[in-house]
Amino acid sequence: MTAPAALVTGASRGIGALIAEKLATAGWDLTVSARSAGPLQERAAALAGHGGTVRAVTADMGSEEEVLALADAHVEAFGRVDALVLNAGMGSIGAIADFPARRFDKLYAVNVRSAFVLVQRLLPTLRTSAAGERGTAKVIAVSSLTGVAGEPLNSAYGASKAALTSLCETLNTEESEGGVTATAVCPGYVATDMTAPLADQVAPEAMIDAADVAELVVALTRLGRSVVVPSIPMTRPGPHLWRA
């Protein structure tokens, strides 16, 4: 069987880096993307050590031109998309009363619009891949529990992640019969650089381990076309399930 190929955004660190590592170890070919060229190239070199082909493409998820170029670069390199992992994202908190609308727009551009543009651009290739030997093509988005249950100061971020989850669910209604399925993985606070400023409120050791999120994402790529998993919430241990 031909080696499967995945495109992973936000792959230079955190959850995305762990997802890319697990896929590379499992024999996948990869396009990895992030904004900063230096860390991305270092990550790509390490991933290539597992024996697969790895292509690094820098892209700002806030730029439609760069997002489209990323999609085209992946198709040019591999000709197939067995998994599209939408991990790149931006975090920002603040009360509704004074959260800047311009920052709200930026959150949507990075967290939702880039995902929509990538899915739309890659959909023909996803369909072709799903019709091939694997019989399925996966879109997996790293969303957030704040998009499932409201959290104080997360109106804009949570709204963007709710939209991302909805995008996955709607994609299933349109494409799953052809083998293209989507899942929004919705974790609470994960111990990464993004949540480091929250350490005084939630200790990093009490947050979700990024490796567990990556493990779940990669497990989804192993499912066949007989099942659709629209979304999966992931919460921290404790007496309140619906909390980030």
C-alpha atoms as a PDB file:
ATOM      1  CA  MET A   1       0.000   0.000   0.000  1.00  0.00           C
ATOM      2  CA  THR A   2       1.184   3.510  -0.808  1.00  0.00           C
ATOM      3  CA  ALA A   3       2.302   5.485   2.244  1.00  0.00           C
ATOM      4  CA  PRO A   4      -0.510   7.743   3.466  1.00  0.00           C
ATOM      5  CA  ALA A   5       0.038  11.498   3.375  1.00  0.00           C
ATOM      6  CA  ALA A   6      -1.080  14.112   5.879  1.00  0.00           C
ATOM      7  CA  LEU A   7      -0.990  17.884   6.119  1.00  0.00           C
ATOM      8  CA  VAL A   8      -0.560  19.122   9.693  1.00  0.00           C
ATOM      9  CA  THR A   9      -0.823  22.824  10.527  1.00  0.00           C
ATOM     10  CA  GLY A  10       0.740  24.357  13.624  1.00  0.00           C
ATOM     11  CA  ALA A  11       3.245  21.511  13.594  1.00  0.00           C
ATOM     12  CA  SER A  12       6.396  23.123  14.983  1.00  0.00           C
ATOM     13  CA  ARG A  13       5.483  22.777  18.675  1.00  0.00           C
ATOM     14  CA  GLY A  14       2.894  21.617  21.179  1.00  0.00           C
ATOM     15  CA  ILE A  15       0.032  19.385  20.114  1.00  0.00           C
ATOM     16  CA  GLY A  16       0.823  19.730  16.400  1.00  0.00           C
ATOM     17  CA  ALA A  17       4.432  18.637  16.838  1.00  0.00           C
ATOM     18  CA  LEU A  18       3.329  15.563  18.778  1.00  0.00           C
ATOM     19  CA  ILE A  19       0.717  14.675  16.148  1.00  0.00           C
ATOM     20  CA  ALA A  20       3.307  14.969  13.379  1.00  0.00           C
ATOM     21  CA  GLU A  21       5.756  12.841  15.366  1.00  0.00           C
ATOM     22  CA  LYS A  22       3.218  10.067  15.884  1.00  0.00           C
ATOM     23  CA  LEU A  23       2.220  10.073  12.218  1.00  0.00           C
ATOM     24  CA  ALA A  24       5.837  10.036  11.049  1.00  0.00           C
ATOM     25  CA  THR A  25       6.584   7.126  13.371  1.00  0.00           C
ATOM     26  CA  ALA A  26       3.619   5.269  11.874  1.00  0.00           C
ATOM     27  CA  GLY A  27       5.039   5.658   8.348  1.00  0.00           C
ATOM     28  CA  TRP A  28       3.111   8.651   7.042  1.00  0.00           C
ATOM     29  CA  ASP A  29       4.458  11.173   4.547  1.00  0.00           C
ATOM     30  CA  LEU A  30       3.909  14.697   5.816  1.00  0.00           C
ATOM     31  CA  THR A  31       3.556  18.335   4.973  1.00  0.00           C
ATOM     32  CA  VAL A  32       4.107  20.297   8.167  1.00  0.00           C
ATOM     33  CA  SER A  33       3.341  23.974   8.482  1.00  0.00           C
ATOM     34  CA  ALA A  34       3.858  26.822  10.945  1.00  0.00           C
ATOM     35  CA  ARG A  35       4.573  30.557  10.838  1.00  0.00           C
ATOM     36  CA  SER A  36       8.236  30.466  11.911  1.00  0.00           C
ATOM     37  CA  ALA A  37      10.627  28.925   9.402  1.00  0.00           C
ATOM     38  CA  GLY A  38      13.481  28.082  11.777  1.00  0.00           C
ATOM     39  CA  PRO A  39      11.618  25.885  14.290  1.00  0.00           C
ATOM     40  CA  LEU A  40       9.585  24.343  11.478  1.00  0.00           C
ATOM     41  CA  GLN A  41      12.673  23.297   9.518  1.00  0.00           C
ATOM     42  CA  GLU A  42      14.189  21.774  12.644  1.00  0.00           C
ATOM     43  CA  ARG A  43      11.016  19.826  13.302  1.00  0.00           C
ATOM     44  CA  ALA A  44      10.820  18.622   9.698  1.00  0.00           C
ATOM     45  CA  ALA A  45      14.415  17.383   9.798  1.00  0.00           C
ATOM     46  CA  ALA A  46      13.693  15.395  12.948  1.00  0.00           C
ATOM     47  CA  LEU A  47      10.520  13.913  11.455  1.00  0.00           C
ATOM     48  CA  ALA A  48      12.331  12.853   8.286  1.00  0.00           C
ATOM     49  CA  GLY A  49      14.516  10.656  10.465  1.00  0.00           C
ATOM     50  CA  HIS A  50      11.624   8.204  10.689  1.00  0.00           C
ATOM     51  CA  GLY A  51      12.044   7.386   7.003  1.00  0.00           C
ATOM     52  CA  GLY A  52       9.107   9.125   5.367  1.00  0.00           C
ATOM     53  CA  THR A  53       9.046  12.158   3.113  1.00  0.00           C
ATOM     54  CA  VAL A  54       8.531  15.402   5.022  1.00  0.00           C
ATOM     55  CA  ARG A  55       7.910  18.786   3.430  1.00  0.00           C
ATOM     56  CA  ALA A  56       7.999  21.978   5.507  1.00  0.00           C
ATOM     57  CA  VAL A  57       5.915  24.934   4.300  1.00  0.00           C
ATOM     58  CA  THR A  58       5.788  28.167   6.284  1.00  0.00           C
ATOM     59  CA  ALA A  59       2.380  29.802   6.253  1.00  0.00           C
ATOM     60  CA  ASP A  60       0.506  32.420   8.242  1.00  0.00           C
ATOM     61  CA  MET A  61      -3.001  31.103   8.811  1.00  0.00           C
ATOM     62  CA  GLY A  62      -4.261  34.687   8.752  1.00  0.00           C
ATOM     63  CA  SER A  63      -3.238  35.037   5.088  1.00  0.00           C
ATOM     64  CA  GLU A  64      -5.553  33.414   2.536  1.00  0.00           C
ATOM     65  CA  GLU A  65      -2.816  33.565  -0.092  1.00  0.00           C
ATOM     66  CA  GLU A  66      -0.403  31.626   2.112  1.00  0.00           C
ATOM     67  CA  VAL A  67      -3.074  29.120   3.154  1.00  0.00           C
ATOM     68  CA  LEU A  68      -3.914  28.379  -0.480  1.00  0.00           C
ATOM     69  CA  ALA A  69      -0.218  28.071  -1.328  1.00  0.00           C
ATOM     70  CA  LEU A  70       0.179  25.582   1.520  1.00  0.00           C
ATOM     71  CA  ALA A  71      -2.650  23.420   0.203  1.00  0.00           C
ATOM     72  CA  ASP A  72      -1.261  23.516  -3.330  1.00  0.00           C
ATOM     73  CA  ALA A  73       2.260  22.678  -2.126  1.00  0.00           C
ATOM     74  CA  HIS A  74       0.995  19.567  -0.374  1.00  0.00           C
ATOM     75  CA  VAL A  75      -0.934  18.330  -3.404  1.00  0.00           C
ATOM     76  CA  GLU A  76       2.038  19.014  -5.666  1.00  0.00           C
ATOM     77  CA  ALA A  77       4.340  17.049  -3.361  1.00  0.00           C
ATOM     78  CA  PHE A  78       2.134  14.036  -2.619  1.00  0.00           C
ATOM     79  CA  GLY A  79      -0.957  14.079  -4.834  1.00  0.00           C
ATOM     80  CA  ARG A  80      -3.150  12.800  -1.995  1.00  0.00           C
ATOM     81  CA  VAL A  81      -4.574  13.879   1.362  1.00  0.00           C
ATOM     82  CA  ASP A  82      -5.360  10.980   3.636  1.00  0.00           C
ATOM     83  CA  ALA A  83      -5.542  13.268   6.664  1.00  0.00           C
ATOM     84  CA  LEU A  84      -5.868  17.024   7.031  1.00  0.00           C
ATOM     85  CA  VAL A  85      -5.061  18.003  10.616  1.00  0.00           C
ATOM     86  CA  LEU A  86      -6.250  21.522  11.392  1.00  0.00           C
ATOM     87  CA  ASN A  87      -4.234  22.271  14.508  1.00  0.00           C
ATOM     88  CA  ALA A  88      -2.948  25.830  14.015  1.00  0.00           C
ATOM     89  CA  GLY A  89      -4.794  28.309  16.155  1.00  0.00           C
ATOM     90  CA  MET A  90      -4.689  31.577  18.045  1.00  0.00           C
ATOM     91  CA  GLY A  91      -5.765  32.128  21.632  1.00  0.00           C
ATOM     92  CA  SER A  92      -6.971  35.344  23.253  1.00  0.00           C
ATOM     93  CA  ILE A  93      -9.120  35.990  26.305  1.00  0.00           C
ATOM     94  CA  GLY A  94     -11.042  38.970  27.572  1.00  0.00           C
ATOM     95  CA  ALA A  95     -14.422  40.066  28.874  1.00  0.00           C
ATOM     96  CA  ILE A  96     -17.180  40.644  26.339  1.00  0.00           C
ATOM     97  CA  ALA A  97     -17.551  44.199  27.657  1.00  0.00           C
ATOM     98  CA  ASP A  98     -14.216  45.359  26.282  1.00  0.00           C
ATOM     99  CA  PHE A  99     -12.852  42.646  23.954  1.00  0.00           C
ATOM    100  CA  PRO A 100     -11.602  44.414  20.780  1.00  0.00           C
ATOM    101  CA  ALA A 101     -13.641  43.547  17.706  1.00  0.00           C
ATOM    102  CA  ARG A 102     -10.474  43.610  15.579  1.00  0.00           C
ATOM    103  CA  ARG A 103      -8.984  40.855  17.743  1.00  0.00           C
ATOM    104  CA  PHE A 104     -12.240  38.925  17.384  1.00  0.00           C
ATOM    105  CA  ASP A 105     -11.854  39.163  13.599  1.00  0.00           C
ATOM    106  CA  LYS A 106      -8.248  37.927  13.825  1.00  0.00           C
ATOM    107  CA  LEU A 107      -9.327  34.934  15.904  1.00  0.00           C
ATOM    108  CA  TYR A 108     -11.896  33.999  13.285  1.00  0.00           C
ATOM    109  CA  ALA A 109      -9.416  34.432  10.446  1.00  0.00           C
ATOM    110  CA  VAL A 110      -6.861  32.119  12.065  1.00  0.00           C
ATOM    111  CA  ASN A 111      -9.101  29.616  13.847  1.00  0.00           C
ATOM    112  CA  VAL A 112     -11.979  29.258  11.379  1.00  0.00           C
ATOM    113  CA  ARG A 113     -11.447  30.927   8.026  1.00  0.00           C
ATOM    114  CA  SER A 114      -8.096  29.256   7.389  1.00  0.00           C
ATOM    115  CA  ALA A 115      -9.686  25.870   8.118  1.00  0.00           C
ATOM    116  CA  PHE A 116     -12.553  26.588   5.731  1.00  0.00           C
ATOM    117  CA  VAL A 117     -10.144  27.684   2.985  1.00  0.00           C
ATOM    118  CA  LEU A 118      -7.929  24.608   3.423  1.00  0.00           C
ATOM    119  CA  VAL A 119     -10.866  22.207   3.380  1.00  0.00           C
ATOM    120  CA  GLN A 120     -12.401  23.867   0.354  1.00  0.00           C
ATOM    121  CA  ARG A 121      -9.130  23.890  -1.596  1.00  0.00           C
ATOM    122  CA  LEU A 122      -8.254  20.301  -0.704  1.00  0.00           C
ATOM    123  CA  LEU A 123     -11.732  18.812  -1.030  1.00  0.00           C
ATOM    124  CA  PRO A 124     -11.225  17.439  -4.560  1.00  0.00           C
ATOM    125  CA  THR A 125      -8.037  15.686  -3.421  1.00  0.00           C
ATOM    126  CA  LEU A 126      -9.696  14.465  -0.219  1.00  0.00           C
ATOM    127  CA  ARG A 127     -12.469  12.936  -2.322  1.00  0.00           C
ATOM    128  CA  THR A 128      -9.981  11.237  -4.636  1.00  0.00           C
ATOM    129  CA  SER A 129      -7.997   9.909  -1.681  1.00  0.00           C
ATOM    130  CA  ALA A 130     -11.156   8.553  -0.046  1.00  0.00           C
ATOM    131  CA  ALA A 131     -11.978   6.708  -3.266  1.00  0.00           C
ATOM    132  CA  GLY A 132      -8.553   5.055  -3.257  1.00  0.00           C
ATOM    133  CA  GLU A 133      -7.008   2.111  -1.462  1.00  0.00           C
ATOM    134  CA  ARG A 134      -7.525   3.431   2.077  1.00  0.00           C
ATOM    135  CA  GLY A 135     -11.215   4.056   1.419  1.00  0.00           C
ATOM    136  CA  THR A 136     -11.366   7.156   3.578  1.00  0.00           C
ATOM    137  CA  ALA A 137      -9.890  10.604   4.090  1.00  0.00           C
ATOM    138  CA  LYS A 138      -9.973  12.366   7.440  1.00  0.00           C
ATOM    139  CA  VAL A 139     -10.294  16.010   8.405  1.00  0.00           C
ATOM    140  CA  ILE A 140      -9.414  16.392  12.088  1.00  0.00           C
ATOM    141  CA  ALA A 141      -9.633  19.782  13.756  1.00  0.00           C
ATOM    142  CA  VAL A 142      -8.181  20.579  17.163  1.00  0.00           C
ATOM    143  CA  SER A 143     -11.050  22.606  18.551  1.00  0.00           C
ATOM    144  CA  SER A 144     -11.775  23.389  22.217  1.00  0.00           C
ATOM    145  CA  LEU A 145     -14.133  22.562  25.042  1.00  0.00           C
ATOM    146  CA  THR A 146     -14.755  26.318  25.298  1.00  0.00           C
ATOM    147  CA  GLY A 147     -16.624  25.937  22.011  1.00  0.00           C
ATOM    148  CA  VAL A 148     -18.896  23.349  23.643  1.00  0.00           C
ATOM    149  CA  ALA A 149     -19.535  24.914  27.066  1.00  0.00           C
ATOM    150  CA  GLY A 150     -19.044  28.610  27.787  1.00  0.00           C
ATOM    151  CA  GLU A 151     -16.167  29.775  29.975  1.00  0.00           C
ATOM    152  CA  PRO A 152     -15.678  33.296  31.379  1.00  0.00           C
ATOM    153  CA  LEU A 153     -13.389  35.485  29.235  1.00  0.00           C
ATOM    154  CA  ASN A 154     -13.607  33.062  26.297  1.00  0.00           C
ATOM    155  CA  SER A 155     -16.464  34.598  24.313  1.00  0.00           C
ATOM    156  CA  ALA A 156     -14.417  35.228  21.171  1.00  0.00           C
ATOM    157  CA  TYR A 157     -12.104  32.215  21.370  1.00  0.00           C
ATOM    158  CA  GLY A 158     -14.950  29.886  22.293  1.00  0.00           C
ATOM    159  CA  ALA A 159     -17.123  31.243  19.493  1.00  0.00           C
ATOM    160  CA  SER A 160     -14.357  30.637  16.958  1.00  0.00           C
ATOM    161  CA  LYS A 161     -13.903  27.065  18.176  1.00  0.00           C
ATOM    162  CA  ALA A 162     -17.658  26.441  18.146  1.00  0.00           C
ATOM    163  CA  ALA A 163     -17.640  27.544  14.513  1.00  0.00           C
ATOM    164  CA  LEU A 164     -14.742  25.192  13.775  1.00  0.00           C
ATOM    165  CA  THR A 165     -16.645  22.307  15.338  1.00  0.00           C
ATOM    166  CA  SER A 166     -19.730  23.199  13.298  1.00  0.00           C
ATOM    167  CA  LEU A 167     -17.630  23.237  10.135  1.00  0.00           C
ATOM    168  CA  CYS A 168     -16.554  19.646  10.828  1.00  0.00           C
ATOM    169  CA  GLU A 169     -20.103  18.521  11.548  1.00  0.00           C
ATOM    170  CA  THR A 170     -21.461  20.091   8.380  1.00  0.00           C
ATOM    171  CA  LEU A 171     -18.667  18.621   6.266  1.00  0.00           C
ATOM    172  CA  ASN A 172     -19.820  15.193   7.414  1.00  0.00           C
ATOM    173  CA  THR A 173     -23.368  15.842   6.239  1.00  0.00           C
ATOM    174  CA  GLU A 174     -22.100  16.736   2.782  1.00  0.00           C
ATOM    175  CA  GLU A 175     -19.145  14.397   2.232  1.00  0.00           C
ATOM    176  CA  SER A 176     -19.169  11.392   4.594  1.00  0.00           C
ATOM    177  CA  GLU A 177     -21.034   9.091   2.226  1.00  0.00           C
ATOM    178  CA  GLY A 178     -18.074   9.460  -0.111  1.00  0.00           C
ATOM    179  CA  GLY A 179     -15.586   8.588   2.620  1.00  0.00           C
ATOM    180  CA  VAL A 180     -14.469  12.100   3.610  1.00  0.00           C
ATOM    181  CA  THR A 181     -15.213  12.458   7.313  1.00  0.00           C
ATOM    182  CA  ALA A 182     -14.405  15.150   9.870  1.00  0.00           C
ATOM    183  CA  THR A 183     -13.939  15.206  13.630  1.00  0.00           C
ATOM    184  CA  ALA A 184     -13.515  18.145  15.968  1.00  0.00           C
ATOM    185  CA  VAL A 185     -11.392  17.154  18.957  1.00  0.00           C
ATOM    186  CA  CYS A 186     -12.425  19.492  21.781  1.00  0.00           C
ATOM    187  CA  PRO A 187     -10.061  19.452  24.760  1.00  0.00           C
ATOM    188  CA  GLY A 188     -10.180  21.610  27.849  1.00  0.00           C
ATOM    189  CA  TYR A 189      -7.007  23.375  28.923  1.00  0.00           C
ATOM    190  CA  VAL A 190      -3.959  21.552  27.565  1.00  0.00           C
ATOM    191  CA  ALA A 191      -0.493  22.073  29.031  1.00  0.00           C
ATOM    192  CA  THR A 192       1.158  23.971  26.153  1.00  0.00           C
ATOM    193  CA  ASP A 193       2.762  27.358  25.541  1.00  0.00           C
ATOM    194  CA  MET A 194      -0.683  28.796  24.741  1.00  0.00           C
ATOM    195  CA  THR A 195      -2.005  28.053  28.223  1.00  0.00           C
ATOM    196  CA  ALA A 196       1.178  29.006  30.101  1.00  0.00           C
ATOM    197  CA  PRO A 197      -0.280  32.424  31.103  1.00  0.00           C
ATOM    198  CA  LEU A 198      -3.085  30.576  32.917  1.00  0.00           C
ATOM    199  CA  ALA A 199      -0.720  28.686  35.216  1.00  0.00           C
ATOM    200  CA  ASP A 200      -1.703  30.836  38.206  1.00  0.00           C
ATOM    201  CA  GLN A 201      -5.334  29.704  37.754  1.00  0.00           C
ATOM    202  CA  VAL A 202      -4.852  26.096  36.624  1.00  0.00           C
ATOM    203  CA  ALA A 203      -1.590  24.322  37.384  1.00  0.00           C
ATOM    204  CA  PRO A 204      -0.002  22.775  34.271  1.00  0.00           C
ATOM    205  CA  GLU A 205       0.020  19.365  35.968  1.00  0.00           C
ATOM    206  CA  ALA A 206      -3.771  19.637  36.338  1.00  0.00           C
ATOM    207  CA  MET A 207      -4.231  20.329  32.618  1.00  0.00           C
ATOM    208  CA  ILE A 208      -4.649  17.745  29.874  1.00  0.00           C
ATOM    209  CA  ASP A 209      -1.390  16.248  28.605  1.00  0.00           C
ATOM    210  CA  ALA A 210      -0.772  17.283  24.999  1.00  0.00           C
ATOM    211  CA  ALA A 211       0.375  13.745  24.230  1.00  0.00           C
ATOM    212  CA  ASP A 212      -3.115  12.453  25.037  1.00  0.00           C
ATOM    213  CA  VAL A 213      -4.684  14.881  22.565  1.00  0.00           C
ATOM    214  CA  ALA A 214      -2.186  13.822  19.905  1.00  0.00           C
ATOM    215  CA  GLU A 215      -2.876  10.150  20.602  1.00  0.00           C
ATOM    216  CA  LEU A 216      -6.596  10.654  20.086  1.00  0.00           C
ATOM    217  CA  VAL A 217      -6.073  12.586  16.849  1.00  0.00           C
ATOM    218  CA  VAL A 218      -3.854   9.873  15.384  1.00  0.00           C
ATOM    219  CA  ALA A 219      -6.253   7.133  16.529  1.00  0.00           C
ATOM    220  CA  LEU A 220      -8.976   8.798  14.460  1.00  0.00           C
ATOM    221  CA  THR A 221      -6.872   8.341  11.308  1.00  0.00           C
ATOM    222  CA  ARG A 222      -7.064   4.582  11.817  1.00  0.00           C
ATOM    223  CA  LEU A 223     -10.857   4.418  11.612  1.00  0.00           C
ATOM    224  CA  GLY A 224     -12.531   3.163   8.448  1.00  0.00           C
ATOM    225  CA  ARG A 225     -15.322   4.791   6.465  1.00  0.00           C
ATOM    226  CA  SER A 226     -18.132   2.930   8.242  1.00  0.00           C
ATOM    227  CA  VAL A 227     -18.216   5.413  11.121  1.00  0.00           C
ATOM    228  CA  VAL A 228     -18.518   9.185  11.507  1.00  0.00           C
ATOM    229  CA  VAL A 229     -17.259  10.820  14.710  1.00  0.00           C
ATOM    230  CA  PRO A 230     -18.460  14.446  14.537  1.00  0.00           C
ATOM    231  CA  SER A 231     -16.793  15.688  17.731  1.00  0.00           C
ATOM    232  CA  ILE A 232     -15.075  14.454  20.872  1.00  0.00           C
ATOM    233  CA  PRO A 233     -14.968  16.498  24.088  1.00  0.00           C
ATOM    234  CA  MET A 234     -11.931  16.020  26.339  1.00  0.00           C
ATOM    235  CA  THR A 235     -12.102  17.314  29.881  1.00  0.00           C
ATOM    236  CA  ARG A 236      -9.832  17.397  32.921  1.00  0.00           C
ATOM    237  CA  PRO A 237     -10.451  15.002  35.814  1.00  0.00           C
ATOM    238  CA  GLY A 238     -12.648  16.438  38.523  1.00  0.00           C
ATOM    239  CA  PRO A 239     -16.244  16.926  39.658  1.00  0.00           C
ATOM    240  CA  HIS A 240     -17.218  19.237  36.773  1.00  0.00           C
ATOM    241  CA  LEU A 241     -17.152  17.612  33.341  1.00  0.00           C
ATOM    242  CA  TRP A 242     -18.032  20.658  31.257  1.00  0.00           C
ATOM    243  CA  ARG A 243     -15.151  22.917  32.201  1.00  0.00           C
ATOM    244  CA  ALA A 244     -12.070  23.837  30.252  1.00  0.00           C
END
